[in-house]
């Protein structure tokens, strides 16, 4: 594991109190661990958002190129894969 870099973070007194309360509850061993956990979550969220945007881009490109399946065809395919019969109205 690579070493860690130290970054100073300033927070207002309300945020400091909140972090201290989280530490007292045992949620985090230190203010540093709390901030690191928040950053880690944000990092994961950004990575997920980028993946979603890429997938949406591919889907839009498929639509623009005419590579589409109707909802009915899609559901029929899923039903067939699951061995389910199609409901009749």
Protein backbone atom coordinates (compact mmCIF):
# COMPACT_ATOMS: atom_id res chain seq x y z
CA UNK A 1 0.00 0.00 0.00
CA UNK A 2 1.29 3.43 -0.90
CA UNK A 3 1.95 5.95 1.84
CA UNK A 4 -0.63 8.54 2.72
CA UNK A 5 -0.42 12.27 2.11
CA UNK A 6 -1.39 14.66 4.85
CA UNK A 7 -3.82 17.43 3.96
CA UNK A 8 -5.01 20.09 6.39
CA UNK A 9 -8.76 20.66 6.44
CA UNK A 10 -10.49 23.54 8.17
CA UNK A 11 -14.10 23.15 9.28
CA UNK A 12 -16.50 25.44 11.07
CA UNK A 13 -17.25 24.75 14.75
CA UNK A 14 -20.57 23.01 13.97
CA UNK A 15 -18.84 20.54 11.66
CA UNK A 16 -16.11 19.98 14.22
CA UNK A 17 -18.73 19.19 16.87
CA UNK A 18 -20.47 16.81 14.48
CA UNK A 19 -17.22 14.97 13.75
CA UNK A 20 -16.40 14.78 17.46
CA UNK A 21 -19.85 13.32 18.15
CA UNK A 22 -19.31 10.70 15.44
CA UNK A 23 -16.00 9.81 17.06
CA UNK A 24 -17.66 9.56 20.51
CA UNK A 25 -20.29 7.22 19.05
CA UNK A 26 -17.46 5.03 17.82
CA UNK A 27 -18.23 5.57 14.16
CA UNK A 28 -14.67 6.70 13.44
CA UNK A 29 -11.45 6.52 15.45
CA UNK A 30 -10.33 10.01 14.42
CA UNK A 31 -11.33 13.12 12.52
CA UNK A 32 -8.86 12.09 9.85
CA UNK A 33 -10.57 8.71 9.46
CA UNK A 34 -13.94 10.45 9.17
CA UNK A 35 -12.79 12.80 6.42
CA UNK A 36 -11.01 9.96 4.63
CA UNK A 37 -14.19 7.85 4.70
CA UNK A 38 -16.21 10.73 3.21
CA UNK A 39 -13.65 11.23 0.47
CA UNK A 40 -13.58 7.51 -0.27
CA UNK A 41 -17.37 7.46 -0.67
CA UNK A 42 -17.24 10.51 -2.94
CA UNK A 43 -14.48 8.86 -5.00
CA UNK A 44 -16.60 5.71 -5.44
CA UNK A 45 -19.66 7.78 -6.34
CA UNK A 46 -17.71 9.68 -9.00
CA UNK A 47 -16.38 6.43 -10.48
CA UNK A 48 -19.92 5.00 -10.58
CA UNK A 49 -21.21 8.19 -12.19
CA UNK A 50 -18.52 8.02 -14.88
CA UNK A 51 -19.40 4.39 -15.60
CA UNK A 52 -23.09 5.29 -15.82
CA UNK A 53 -22.36 8.16 -18.20
CA UNK A 54 -20.28 5.85 -20.42
CA UNK A 55 -23.04 3.23 -20.49
CA UNK A 56 -25.66 5.86 -21.27
CA UNK A 57 -23.45 7.18 -24.06
CA UNK A 58 -23.20 3.69 -25.56
CA UNK A 59 -26.97 3.25 -25.25
CA UNK A 60 -27.66 6.58 -26.94
CA UNK A 61 -25.23 5.69 -29.72
CA UNK A 62 -27.11 2.40 -30.22
CA UNK A 63 -30.41 4.28 -30.42
CA UNK A 64 -29.02 6.77 -32.92
CA UNK A 65 -27.65 3.89 -35.02
CA UNK A 66 -31.00 2.11 -34.96
CA UNK A 67 -29.82 -0.75 -32.77
CA UNK A 68 -32.92 -0.95 -30.61
CA UNK A 69 -35.31 -3.57 -29.28
CA UNK A 70 -38.92 -2.83 -28.47
CA UNK A 71 -40.03 -3.20 -24.87
CA UNK A 72 -42.28 -6.07 -25.93
CA UNK A 73 -39.37 -7.92 -27.57
CA UNK A 74 -37.18 -7.30 -24.54
CA UNK A 75 -39.79 -8.68 -22.12
CA UNK A 76 -40.42 -11.68 -24.40
CA UNK A 77 -36.70 -12.41 -24.35
CA UNK A 78 -36.55 -12.21 -20.55
CA UNK A 79 -39.63 -14.40 -20.18
CA UNK A 80 -38.14 -16.99 -22.54
CA UNK A 81 -34.85 -16.96 -20.64
CA UNK A 82 -36.72 -17.49 -17.35
CA UNK A 83 -39.05 -20.09 -18.82
CA UNK A 84 -42.14 -17.96 -18.18
CA UNK A 85 -45.23 -17.84 -20.33
CA UNK A 86 -46.49 -14.55 -21.69
CA UNK A 87 -49.60 -13.25 -20.00
CA UNK A 88 -52.56 -12.62 -22.25
CA UNK A 89 -54.68 -9.52 -21.67
